[in-house]
Amino acid sequence: MNQSVEIELKAMLTKDEFERLLRYFERENTCPIVQHNTYYDTPDQMLKMHRAALRLRNFAERSEWTIKQTQSDVASLELNQMQHFAYQTVPDVPDIREQTLIDFLQKHQIELNQLRPTLTLQTERWIIQCDCGEFCLDRTTYFNITDYEIELETTQLEQAQAAFQTLLAQHQIPYRHAEKKIARAFKSQL
C-alpha cells in the first residue's frame, strides 16, 4: 500500500535567507531536483472541500500521482502512485491506477473524469539529510512569482521541532508561517 502520514515543518524564507542556507548546507553549487507540479480538482473544488489535493509531480525520468489530505497543522495523509516515466504533456484527466487513490476518490464521490488541471508550478529542491529527517530548501515559481521556503520532513516531531527552531535561530531567521504551495499560488491570483 502506498499510504503514509507525512509530518513536515515549514517556514517561508526571503531570497537572502534562502541563499544563506544554501551556502550553510554547502549546496550553492549543486543542481537541485526539479519538480513540475500540476494540481487537479473538480470544477466545484470537491478535493479542496475535503482539505485534499491531487498532484502530478513530473521529474526528469519519472512521475508520481499524490493525494494529500490535511490531518493537522503539521501532518497530512499521503497516497502515492509512482511511475517509471515522465509525462511529455500533462494529461487532461488523471491517469490513476493505484487502488488507494481510487478508493479515496470514490469515498468522496469524485469521478476521475471530473478532475481537471487547475494549477501548475515548478519547484527546485535541495535535500539535506539530518538526524530527524530531511531538510528541503525549495524555490518555487508560479504565475511569474518566485518564493522560498524551508521544510523539515520527519517521523520524529519533537526532535524535528527542536532542530527546526535551532536552525532558524542559529541563522537569525524569524519564523514565518508557510501555507501549502497550492494555497500560496491560488492566493497570488486573488
N, C-alpha and C. Protein backbone atom coordinates (compact mmCIF):
# COMPACT_ATOMS: atom_id res chain seq x y z
N MET A 1 0.85 -1.18 0.00
CA MET A 1 0.00 0.00 0.00
C MET A 1 0.89 1.24 0.00
N ASN A 2 0.58 2.21 -0.83
CA ASN A 2 1.35 3.44 -0.95
C ASN A 2 0.66 4.55 -0.17
N GLN A 3 0.59 4.37 1.14
CA GLN A 3 -0.09 5.30 2.02
C GLN A 3 0.80 5.60 3.21
N SER A 4 0.87 6.88 3.59
CA SER A 4 1.66 7.26 4.75
C SER A 4 1.09 8.55 5.32
N VAL A 5 1.56 8.89 6.51
CA VAL A 5 1.25 10.19 7.09
C VAL A 5 2.54 10.99 7.03
N GLU A 6 2.48 12.10 6.31
CA GLU A 6 3.65 12.97 6.17
C GLU A 6 3.61 14.02 7.27
N ILE A 7 4.71 14.13 7.99
CA ILE A 7 4.85 15.18 9.00
C ILE A 7 5.91 16.14 8.51
N GLU A 8 5.55 17.40 8.38
CA GLU A 8 6.53 18.38 7.92
C GLU A 8 6.34 19.71 8.63
N LEU A 9 7.47 20.31 8.93
CA LEU A 9 7.53 21.66 9.47
C LEU A 9 8.00 22.53 8.33
N LYS A 10 7.47 23.73 8.23
CA LYS A 10 7.88 24.60 7.13
C LYS A 10 7.81 26.04 7.53
N ALA A 11 8.63 26.85 6.86
CA ALA A 11 8.66 28.28 7.09
C ALA A 11 9.04 28.98 5.79
N MET A 12 8.48 30.15 5.59
CA MET A 12 8.84 30.96 4.44
C MET A 12 10.20 31.61 4.69
N LEU A 13 10.93 31.81 3.61
CA LEU A 13 12.24 32.47 3.67
C LEU A 13 12.27 33.62 2.69
N THR A 14 13.12 34.59 2.96
CA THR A 14 13.42 35.60 1.96
C THR A 14 14.46 34.99 1.00
N LYS A 15 14.68 35.64 -0.11
CA LYS A 15 15.70 35.16 -1.06
C LYS A 15 17.07 35.14 -0.39
N ASP A 16 17.38 36.18 0.37
CA ASP A 16 18.68 36.24 1.06
C ASP A 16 18.83 35.11 2.08
N GLU A 17 17.80 34.85 2.86
CA GLU A 17 17.85 33.77 3.85
C GLU A 17 18.02 32.41 3.15
N PHE A 18 17.30 32.23 2.06
CA PHE A 18 17.39 31.00 1.28
C PHE A 18 18.83 30.80 0.78
N GLU A 19 19.42 31.84 0.22
CA GLU A 19 20.78 31.73 -0.30
C GLU A 19 21.79 31.49 0.82
N ARG A 20 21.57 32.11 1.99
CA ARG A 20 22.46 31.86 3.14
C ARG A 20 22.40 30.40 3.57
N LEU A 21 21.19 29.82 3.59
CA LEU A 21 21.06 28.41 3.98
C LEU A 21 21.66 27.48 2.93
N LEU A 22 21.53 27.84 1.65
CA LEU A 22 22.19 27.04 0.61
C LEU A 22 23.70 27.00 0.85
N ARG A 23 24.26 28.15 1.19
CA ARG A 23 25.72 28.20 1.47
C ARG A 23 26.04 27.42 2.75
N TYR A 24 25.24 27.58 3.78
CA TYR A 24 25.47 26.88 5.05
C TYR A 24 25.49 25.36 4.83
N PHE A 25 24.54 24.85 4.04
CA PHE A 25 24.46 23.42 3.77
C PHE A 25 25.39 22.99 2.63
N GLU A 26 26.16 23.96 2.10
CA GLU A 26 27.12 23.70 1.02
C GLU A 26 26.43 23.12 -0.21
N ARG A 27 25.31 23.73 -0.58
CA ARG A 27 24.55 23.28 -1.75
C ARG A 27 24.49 24.34 -2.85
N GLU A 28 25.16 25.48 -2.65
CA GLU A 28 25.02 26.58 -3.61
C GLU A 28 25.53 26.23 -5.00
N ASN A 29 26.43 25.26 -5.13
CA ASN A 29 26.97 24.89 -6.44
C ASN A 29 26.49 23.51 -6.88
N THR A 30 25.39 23.05 -6.32
CA THR A 30 24.85 21.76 -6.71
C THR A 30 23.53 21.95 -7.46
N CYS A 31 23.20 20.99 -8.26
CA CYS A 31 21.95 21.06 -9.03
C CYS A 31 20.78 20.58 -8.17
N PRO A 32 19.69 21.31 -8.20
CA PRO A 32 18.51 20.88 -7.43
C PRO A 32 17.75 19.79 -8.17
N ILE A 33 16.86 19.16 -7.45
CA ILE A 33 15.87 18.28 -8.07
C ILE A 33 14.77 19.20 -8.59
N VAL A 34 14.44 19.10 -9.87
CA VAL A 34 13.42 19.96 -10.46
C VAL A 34 12.12 19.17 -10.55
N GLN A 35 11.07 19.77 -10.00
CA GLN A 35 9.74 19.14 -9.98
C GLN A 35 8.76 20.05 -10.72
N HIS A 36 8.05 19.48 -11.66
CA HIS A 36 6.96 20.18 -12.34
C HIS A 36 5.67 19.62 -11.76
N ASN A 37 4.94 20.45 -11.04
CA ASN A 37 3.75 20.02 -10.32
C ASN A 37 2.49 20.56 -10.98
N THR A 38 1.56 19.66 -11.25
CA THR A 38 0.26 20.05 -11.76
C THR A 38 -0.79 19.56 -10.78
N TYR A 39 -1.65 20.46 -10.35
CA TYR A 39 -2.71 20.13 -9.39
C TYR A 39 -4.03 19.98 -10.14
N TYR A 40 -4.85 19.08 -9.64
CA TYR A 40 -6.15 18.78 -10.24
C TYR A 40 -7.24 18.95 -9.20
N ASP A 41 -8.42 19.33 -9.69
CA ASP A 41 -9.62 19.35 -8.85
C ASP A 41 -10.83 19.33 -9.77
N THR A 42 -12.00 19.18 -9.19
CA THR A 42 -13.24 19.24 -9.96
C THR A 42 -13.60 20.71 -10.15
N PRO A 43 -14.47 21.01 -11.11
CA PRO A 43 -14.88 22.42 -11.28
C PRO A 43 -15.48 23.04 -10.02
N ASP A 44 -16.13 22.21 -9.18
CA ASP A 44 -16.71 22.74 -7.94
C ASP A 44 -15.80 22.52 -6.72
N GLN A 45 -14.54 22.21 -6.96
CA GLN A 45 -13.48 22.10 -5.93
C GLN A 45 -13.82 21.09 -4.83
N MET A 46 -14.22 19.89 -5.26
CA MET A 46 -14.56 18.84 -4.30
C MET A 46 -13.35 18.42 -3.46
N LEU A 47 -12.17 18.33 -4.05
CA LEU A 47 -10.99 17.95 -3.27
C LEU A 47 -10.68 19.02 -2.22
N LYS A 48 -10.70 20.26 -2.62
CA LYS A 48 -10.43 21.35 -1.68
C LYS A 48 -11.43 21.32 -0.53
N MET A 49 -12.69 21.01 -0.83
CA MET A 49 -13.72 20.94 0.19
C MET A 49 -13.39 19.87 1.25
N HIS A 50 -12.68 18.83 0.83
CA HIS A 50 -12.29 17.75 1.74
C HIS A 50 -10.87 17.94 2.26
N ARG A 51 -10.35 19.17 2.17
CA ARG A 51 -9.00 19.51 2.64
C ARG A 51 -7.94 18.62 2.00
N ALA A 52 -8.14 18.36 0.70
CA ALA A 52 -7.25 17.46 -0.03
C ALA A 52 -6.80 18.12 -1.34
N ALA A 53 -5.75 17.55 -1.92
CA ALA A 53 -5.25 18.00 -3.21
C ALA A 53 -4.74 16.78 -3.96
N LEU A 54 -4.88 16.81 -5.27
CA LEU A 54 -4.32 15.79 -6.15
C LEU A 54 -3.25 16.46 -6.99
N ARG A 55 -2.06 15.86 -6.96
CA ARG A 55 -0.92 16.46 -7.64
C ARG A 55 -0.24 15.42 -8.53
N LEU A 56 0.10 15.86 -9.74
CA LEU A 56 1.01 15.11 -10.60
C LEU A 56 2.36 15.80 -10.49
N ARG A 57 3.35 15.05 -10.03
CA ARG A 57 4.71 15.60 -9.91
C ARG A 57 5.56 14.91 -10.96
N ASN A 58 6.05 15.70 -11.92
CA ASN A 58 6.89 15.20 -13.00
C ASN A 58 8.34 15.54 -12.71
N PHE A 59 9.20 14.53 -12.75
CA PHE A 59 10.64 14.70 -12.64
C PHE A 59 11.23 14.45 -14.03
N ALA A 60 12.54 14.44 -14.14
CA ALA A 60 13.18 14.24 -15.44
C ALA A 60 12.83 12.88 -16.05
N GLU A 61 12.84 11.82 -15.23
CA GLU A 61 12.65 10.48 -15.79
C GLU A 61 11.57 9.66 -15.08
N ARG A 62 10.82 10.27 -14.19
CA ARG A 62 9.75 9.56 -13.51
C ARG A 62 8.67 10.56 -13.11
N SER A 63 7.58 10.02 -12.60
CA SER A 63 6.49 10.89 -12.15
C SER A 63 5.74 10.19 -11.03
N GLU A 64 4.92 10.97 -10.33
CA GLU A 64 4.09 10.37 -9.28
C GLU A 64 2.81 11.16 -9.13
N TRP A 65 1.74 10.42 -8.90
CA TRP A 65 0.45 11.00 -8.56
C TRP A 65 0.34 10.93 -7.04
N THR A 66 -0.10 12.02 -6.42
CA THR A 66 -0.23 12.06 -4.97
C THR A 66 -1.54 12.74 -4.58
N ILE A 67 -2.23 12.10 -3.66
CA ILE A 67 -3.35 12.77 -2.99
C ILE A 67 -2.86 13.07 -1.58
N LYS A 68 -2.96 14.33 -1.18
CA LYS A 68 -2.62 14.73 0.19
C LYS A 68 -3.87 15.32 0.83
N GLN A 69 -4.15 14.84 2.03
CA GLN A 69 -5.29 15.37 2.78
C GLN A 69 -4.79 15.84 4.14
N THR A 70 -5.03 17.10 4.44
CA THR A 70 -4.59 17.70 5.69
C THR A 70 -5.24 16.99 6.87
N GLN A 71 -4.40 16.60 7.84
CA GLN A 71 -4.86 15.97 9.08
C GLN A 71 -4.73 16.92 10.27
N SER A 72 -3.67 17.75 10.25
CA SER A 72 -3.41 18.73 11.31
C SER A 72 -2.49 19.80 10.73
N ASP A 73 -2.03 20.71 11.58
CA ASP A 73 -1.13 21.77 11.11
C ASP A 73 0.17 21.23 10.53
N VAL A 74 0.62 20.06 11.01
CA VAL A 74 1.91 19.52 10.57
C VAL A 74 1.81 18.15 9.89
N ALA A 75 0.63 17.55 9.82
CA ALA A 75 0.52 16.20 9.28
C ALA A 75 -0.53 16.13 8.16
N SER A 76 -0.20 15.30 7.15
CA SER A 76 -1.11 15.05 6.04
C SER A 76 -1.10 13.58 5.70
N LEU A 77 -2.28 13.05 5.38
CA LEU A 77 -2.37 11.72 4.81
C LEU A 77 -1.86 11.83 3.39
N GLU A 78 -0.99 10.90 2.98
CA GLU A 78 -0.42 10.96 1.64
C GLU A 78 -0.59 9.60 0.97
N LEU A 79 -1.20 9.62 -0.22
CA LEU A 79 -1.41 8.42 -1.03
C LEU A 79 -0.66 8.63 -2.34
N ASN A 80 0.13 7.63 -2.76
CA ASN A 80 1.00 7.81 -3.93
C ASN A 80 0.86 6.70 -4.95
N GLN A 81 1.07 7.10 -6.20
CA GLN A 81 1.23 6.16 -7.32
C GLN A 81 2.50 6.58 -8.05
N MET A 82 3.54 5.78 -7.93
CA MET A 82 4.82 6.07 -8.57
C MET A 82 4.82 5.49 -9.98
N GLN A 83 5.50 6.20 -10.89
CA GLN A 83 5.59 5.73 -12.27
C GLN A 83 7.03 5.89 -12.74
N HIS A 84 7.47 4.98 -13.59
CA HIS A 84 8.86 4.97 -14.06
C HIS A 84 9.03 5.73 -15.37
N PHE A 85 8.20 6.73 -15.58
CA PHE A 85 8.31 7.58 -16.76
C PHE A 85 7.79 8.97 -16.41
N ALA A 86 8.23 9.94 -17.16
CA ALA A 86 7.72 11.31 -17.01
C ALA A 86 6.75 11.58 -18.15
N TYR A 87 5.70 12.31 -17.85
CA TYR A 87 4.75 12.69 -18.89
C TYR A 87 5.36 13.77 -19.77
N GLN A 88 5.21 13.63 -21.07
CA GLN A 88 5.69 14.65 -22.00
C GLN A 88 4.70 15.82 -22.04
N THR A 89 3.43 15.51 -21.91
CA THR A 89 2.40 16.54 -21.80
C THR A 89 1.51 16.16 -20.61
N VAL A 90 0.99 17.15 -19.96
CA VAL A 90 0.15 16.92 -18.78
C VAL A 90 -1.20 16.36 -19.23
N PRO A 91 -1.61 15.23 -18.67
CA PRO A 91 -2.90 14.67 -19.07
C PRO A 91 -4.07 15.55 -18.62
N ASP A 92 -5.10 15.62 -19.46
CA ASP A 92 -6.30 16.38 -19.10
C ASP A 92 -7.07 15.72 -17.97
N VAL A 93 -7.01 14.38 -17.93
CA VAL A 93 -7.67 13.60 -16.88
C VAL A 93 -6.60 12.76 -16.20
N PRO A 94 -6.59 12.68 -14.89
CA PRO A 94 -5.55 11.91 -14.18
C PRO A 94 -5.50 10.45 -14.62
N ASP A 95 -4.30 9.93 -14.73
CA ASP A 95 -4.04 8.56 -15.13
C ASP A 95 -3.74 7.74 -13.88
N ILE A 96 -4.77 7.57 -13.05
CA ILE A 96 -4.59 6.92 -11.75
C ILE A 96 -5.06 5.47 -11.84
N ARG A 97 -4.17 4.58 -11.36
CA ARG A 97 -4.49 3.14 -11.34
C ARG A 97 -4.33 2.54 -9.94
N GLU A 98 -3.64 3.24 -9.06
CA GLU A 98 -3.38 2.74 -7.71
C GLU A 98 -4.69 2.72 -6.92
N GLN A 99 -5.00 1.56 -6.35
CA GLN A 99 -6.31 1.37 -5.71
C GLN A 99 -6.52 2.31 -4.52
N THR A 100 -5.47 2.63 -3.74
CA THR A 100 -5.68 3.51 -2.59
C THR A 100 -6.13 4.90 -3.03
N LEU A 101 -5.62 5.38 -4.16
CA LEU A 101 -6.05 6.68 -4.67
C LEU A 101 -7.47 6.60 -5.20
N ILE A 102 -7.77 5.53 -5.93
CA ILE A 102 -9.13 5.34 -6.47
C ILE A 102 -10.14 5.25 -5.32
N ASP A 103 -9.78 4.49 -4.28
CA ASP A 103 -10.68 4.34 -3.12
C ASP A 103 -10.94 5.69 -2.45
N PHE A 104 -9.90 6.51 -2.31
CA PHE A 104 -10.06 7.84 -1.70
C PHE A 104 -11.06 8.66 -2.52
N LEU A 105 -10.86 8.69 -3.83
CA LEU A 105 -11.75 9.47 -4.69
C LEU A 105 -13.18 8.95 -4.61
N GLN A 106 -13.36 7.62 -4.65
CA GLN A 106 -14.70 7.05 -4.57
C GLN A 106 -15.36 7.35 -3.23
N LYS A 107 -14.58 7.26 -2.15
CA LYS A 107 -15.11 7.57 -0.81
C LYS A 107 -15.69 8.99 -0.76
N HIS A 108 -15.06 9.90 -1.52
CA HIS A 108 -15.51 11.29 -1.53
C HIS A 108 -16.38 11.61 -2.76
N GLN A 109 -16.82 10.56 -3.43
CA GLN A 109 -17.73 10.68 -4.57
C GLN A 109 -17.18 11.58 -5.67
N ILE A 110 -15.90 11.35 -5.99
CA ILE A 110 -15.24 12.12 -7.05
C ILE A 110 -14.85 11.14 -8.16
N GLU A 111 -15.34 11.40 -9.35
CA GLU A 111 -15.01 10.57 -10.51
C GLU A 111 -13.75 11.12 -11.19
N LEU A 112 -12.90 10.21 -11.67
CA LEU A 112 -11.67 10.63 -12.35
C LEU A 112 -11.96 11.59 -13.49
N ASN A 113 -13.02 11.31 -14.27
CA ASN A 113 -13.30 12.15 -15.43
C ASN A 113 -13.82 13.54 -15.07
N GLN A 114 -14.07 13.79 -13.76
CA GLN A 114 -14.47 15.13 -13.30
C GLN A 114 -13.24 16.02 -13.05
N LEU A 115 -12.09 15.40 -12.85
CA LEU A 115 -10.88 16.13 -12.44
C LEU A 115 -10.19 16.78 -13.63
N ARG A 116 -9.78 18.02 -13.43
CA ARG A 116 -9.10 18.79 -14.48
C ARG A 116 -7.90 19.52 -13.87
N PRO A 117 -6.87 19.79 -14.68
CA PRO A 117 -5.75 20.59 -14.17
C PRO A 117 -6.22 21.98 -13.76
N THR A 118 -5.76 22.43 -12.59
CA THR A 118 -6.17 23.75 -12.10
C THR A 118 -4.98 24.69 -11.91
N LEU A 119 -3.78 24.13 -11.75
CA LEU A 119 -2.63 24.96 -11.39
C LEU A 119 -1.35 24.20 -11.70
N THR A 120 -0.36 24.93 -12.21
CA THR A 120 0.95 24.34 -12.44
C THR A 120 2.00 25.23 -11.78
N LEU A 121 2.96 24.59 -11.14
CA LEU A 121 4.08 25.32 -10.56
C LEU A 121 5.35 24.49 -10.69
N GLN A 122 6.48 25.12 -10.55
CA GLN A 122 7.76 24.42 -10.62
C GLN A 122 8.54 24.68 -9.33
N THR A 123 9.09 23.61 -8.78
CA THR A 123 9.91 23.72 -7.58
C THR A 123 11.29 23.17 -7.84
N GLU A 124 12.28 23.94 -7.44
CA GLU A 124 13.67 23.46 -7.42
C GLU A 124 13.95 23.14 -5.96
N ARG A 125 14.36 21.89 -5.69
CA ARG A 125 14.51 21.42 -4.32
C ARG A 125 15.92 20.90 -4.06
N TRP A 126 16.48 21.37 -2.95
CA TRP A 126 17.75 20.86 -2.45
C TRP A 126 17.43 20.09 -1.16
N ILE A 127 17.86 18.84 -1.07
CA ILE A 127 17.55 17.98 0.08
C ILE A 127 18.80 17.78 0.91
N ILE A 128 18.65 17.96 2.23
CA ILE A 128 19.75 17.79 3.17
C ILE A 128 19.30 16.82 4.25
N GLN A 129 19.97 15.68 4.35
CA GLN A 129 19.63 14.69 5.37
C GLN A 129 20.07 15.20 6.74
N CYS A 130 19.29 14.87 7.77
CA CYS A 130 19.65 15.19 9.15
C CYS A 130 19.20 14.06 10.05
N ASP A 131 19.55 14.12 11.32
CA ASP A 131 19.24 13.04 12.26
C ASP A 131 17.75 12.74 12.38
N CYS A 132 16.91 13.76 12.20
CA CYS A 132 15.48 13.56 12.43
C CYS A 132 14.65 13.60 11.15
N GLY A 133 15.30 13.50 9.99
CA GLY A 133 14.55 13.50 8.73
C GLY A 133 15.35 14.14 7.63
N GLU A 134 14.69 15.02 6.87
CA GLU A 134 15.42 15.74 5.82
C GLU A 134 14.88 17.16 5.67
N PHE A 135 15.84 18.08 5.62
CA PHE A 135 15.52 19.46 5.30
C PHE A 135 15.37 19.56 3.79
N CYS A 136 14.44 20.38 3.34
CA CYS A 136 14.27 20.66 1.92
C CYS A 136 14.26 22.18 1.77
N LEU A 137 15.17 22.67 0.95
CA LEU A 137 15.16 24.08 0.58
C LEU A 137 14.49 24.17 -0.77
N ASP A 138 13.37 24.89 -0.84
CA ASP A 138 12.55 24.96 -2.06
C ASP A 138 12.48 26.38 -2.61
N ARG A 139 12.73 26.47 -3.91
CA ARG A 139 12.48 27.71 -4.66
C ARG A 139 11.36 27.36 -5.64
N THR A 140 10.20 28.00 -5.46
CA THR A 140 9.01 27.64 -6.23
C THR A 140 8.56 28.83 -7.07
N THR A 141 8.19 28.52 -8.32
CA THR A 141 7.75 29.55 -9.25
C THR A 141 6.35 29.22 -9.76
N TYR A 142 5.49 30.24 -9.72
CA TYR A 142 4.11 30.13 -10.22
C TYR A 142 3.65 31.52 -10.60
N PHE A 143 2.96 31.65 -11.72
CA PHE A 143 2.41 32.93 -12.18
C PHE A 143 3.45 34.07 -12.10
N ASN A 144 4.66 33.84 -12.53
CA ASN A 144 5.75 34.85 -12.51
C ASN A 144 6.12 35.31 -11.10
N ILE A 145 5.82 34.50 -10.11
CA ILE A 145 6.21 34.77 -8.72
C ILE A 145 7.17 33.68 -8.31
N THR A 146 8.21 34.04 -7.58
CA THR A 146 9.12 33.05 -7.01
C THR A 146 9.11 33.23 -5.50
N ASP A 147 8.91 32.12 -4.78
CA ASP A 147 9.00 32.18 -3.33
C ASP A 147 9.97 31.12 -2.82
N TYR A 148 10.32 31.24 -1.55
CA TYR A 148 11.36 30.41 -0.95
C TYR A 148 10.85 29.88 0.38
N GLU A 149 11.15 28.61 0.64
CA GLU A 149 10.75 28.03 1.92
C GLU A 149 11.73 26.95 2.34
N ILE A 150 11.68 26.64 3.61
CA ILE A 150 12.41 25.51 4.16
C ILE A 150 11.39 24.58 4.78
N GLU A 151 11.58 23.28 4.53
CA GLU A 151 10.73 22.25 5.13
C GLU A 151 11.64 21.28 5.87
N LEU A 152 11.08 20.67 6.88
CA LEU A 152 11.74 19.54 7.54
C LEU A 152 10.72 18.41 7.57
N GLU A 153 10.96 17.40 6.74
CA GLU A 153 10.10 16.23 6.69
C GLU A 153 10.63 15.21 7.68
N THR A 154 9.75 14.66 8.52
CA THR A 154 10.21 13.86 9.65
C THR A 154 9.19 12.81 10.05
N THR A 155 9.63 11.90 10.88
CA THR A 155 8.73 10.98 11.57
C THR A 155 8.85 11.19 13.08
N GLN A 156 9.74 12.11 13.48
CA GLN A 156 10.03 12.37 14.90
C GLN A 156 9.73 13.84 15.20
N LEU A 157 8.47 14.15 15.47
CA LEU A 157 8.02 15.53 15.56
C LEU A 157 8.76 16.34 16.61
N GLU A 158 8.88 15.87 17.83
CA GLU A 158 9.52 16.67 18.89
C GLU A 158 10.97 16.97 18.57
N GLN A 159 11.72 15.97 18.14
CA GLN A 159 13.13 16.18 17.78
C GLN A 159 13.24 17.13 16.60
N ALA A 160 12.34 16.99 15.63
CA ALA A 160 12.36 17.84 14.44
C ALA A 160 12.03 19.29 14.80
N GLN A 161 11.06 19.50 15.68
CA GLN A 161 10.72 20.88 16.08
C GLN A 161 11.93 21.56 16.71
N ALA A 162 12.66 20.85 17.55
CA ALA A 162 13.85 21.42 18.18
C ALA A 162 14.92 21.73 17.14
N ALA A 163 15.15 20.82 16.21
CA ALA A 163 16.16 21.03 15.16
C ALA A 163 15.77 22.19 14.25
N PHE A 164 14.48 22.29 13.92
CA PHE A 164 13.99 23.34 13.03
C PHE A 164 14.16 24.71 13.70
N GLN A 165 13.72 24.81 14.95
CA GLN A 165 13.83 26.08 15.67
C GLN A 165 15.29 26.47 15.87
N THR A 166 16.14 25.49 16.15
CA THR A 166 17.57 25.77 16.35
C THR A 166 18.19 26.30 15.06
N LEU A 167 17.88 25.68 13.94
CA LEU A 167 18.44 26.13 12.66
C LEU A 167 18.01 27.56 12.36
N LEU A 168 16.73 27.86 12.52
CA LEU A 168 16.26 29.23 12.25
C LEU A 168 16.95 30.23 13.18
N ALA A 169 17.03 29.90 14.47
CA ALA A 169 17.66 30.81 15.43
C ALA A 169 19.14 30.99 15.14
N GLN A 170 19.81 29.91 14.82
CA GLN A 170 21.25 29.95 14.52
C GLN A 170 21.55 30.89 13.36
N HIS A 171 20.62 31.00 12.42
CA HIS A 171 20.83 31.85 11.24
C HIS A 171 20.03 33.14 11.30
N GLN A 172 19.50 33.43 12.49
CA GLN A 172 18.73 34.66 12.73
C GLN A 172 17.62 34.84 11.69
N ILE A 173 16.90 33.76 11.47
CA ILE A 173 15.77 33.77 10.54
C ILE A 173 14.49 33.70 11.36
N PRO A 174 13.64 34.73 11.26
CA PRO A 174 12.38 34.68 12.01
C PRO A 174 11.45 33.63 11.39
N TYR A 175 10.66 33.00 12.25
CA TYR A 175 9.69 32.04 11.75
C TYR A 175 8.57 32.79 11.03
N ARG A 176 8.30 32.40 9.79
CA ARG A 176 7.18 32.93 9.03
C ARG A 176 6.36 31.73 8.55
N HIS A 177 5.11 31.70 8.92
CA HIS A 177 4.23 30.59 8.55
C HIS A 177 4.25 30.37 7.03
N ALA A 178 4.33 29.12 6.62
CA ALA A 178 4.29 28.76 5.20
C ALA A 178 3.03 27.95 4.94
N GLU A 179 2.14 28.49 4.15
CA GLU A 179 0.99 27.72 3.71
C GLU A 179 1.47 26.71 2.67
N LYS A 180 0.62 25.77 2.33
CA LYS A 180 0.96 24.82 1.27
C LYS A 180 1.19 25.59 -0.04
N LYS A 181 2.04 25.04 -0.88
CA LYS A 181 2.37 25.71 -2.14
C LYS A 181 1.12 26.01 -2.97
N ILE A 182 0.21 25.05 -3.04
CA ILE A 182 -1.02 25.24 -3.82
C ILE A 182 -1.82 26.43 -3.29
N ALA A 183 -1.89 26.58 -1.97
CA ALA A 183 -2.63 27.70 -1.38
C ALA A 183 -1.96 29.03 -1.69
N ARG A 184 -0.63 29.07 -1.61
CA ARG A 184 0.09 30.30 -1.93
C ARG A 184 -0.13 30.70 -3.38
N ALA A 185 -0.09 29.73 -4.26
CA ALA A 185 -0.27 30.03 -5.69
C ALA A 185 -1.68 30.55 -5.97
N PHE A 186 -2.68 29.88 -5.40
CA PHE A 186 -4.06 30.35 -5.63
C PHE A 186 -4.28 31.73 -5.02
N LYS A 187 -3.75 31.98 -3.84
CA LYS A 187 -3.92 33.31 -3.21
C LYS A 187 -3.26 34.42 -4.03
N SER A 188 -2.19 34.07 -4.72
CA SER A 188 -1.48 35.09 -5.52
C SER A 188 -2.35 35.60 -6.67
N GLN A 189 -3.38 34.84 -7.02
CA GLN A 189 -4.25 35.22 -8.13
C GLN A 189 -5.49 36.00 -7.70
N LEU A 190 -5.66 36.19 -6.39
CA LEU A 190 -6.83 36.93 -5.89
C LEU A 190 -6.66 38.41 -6.03
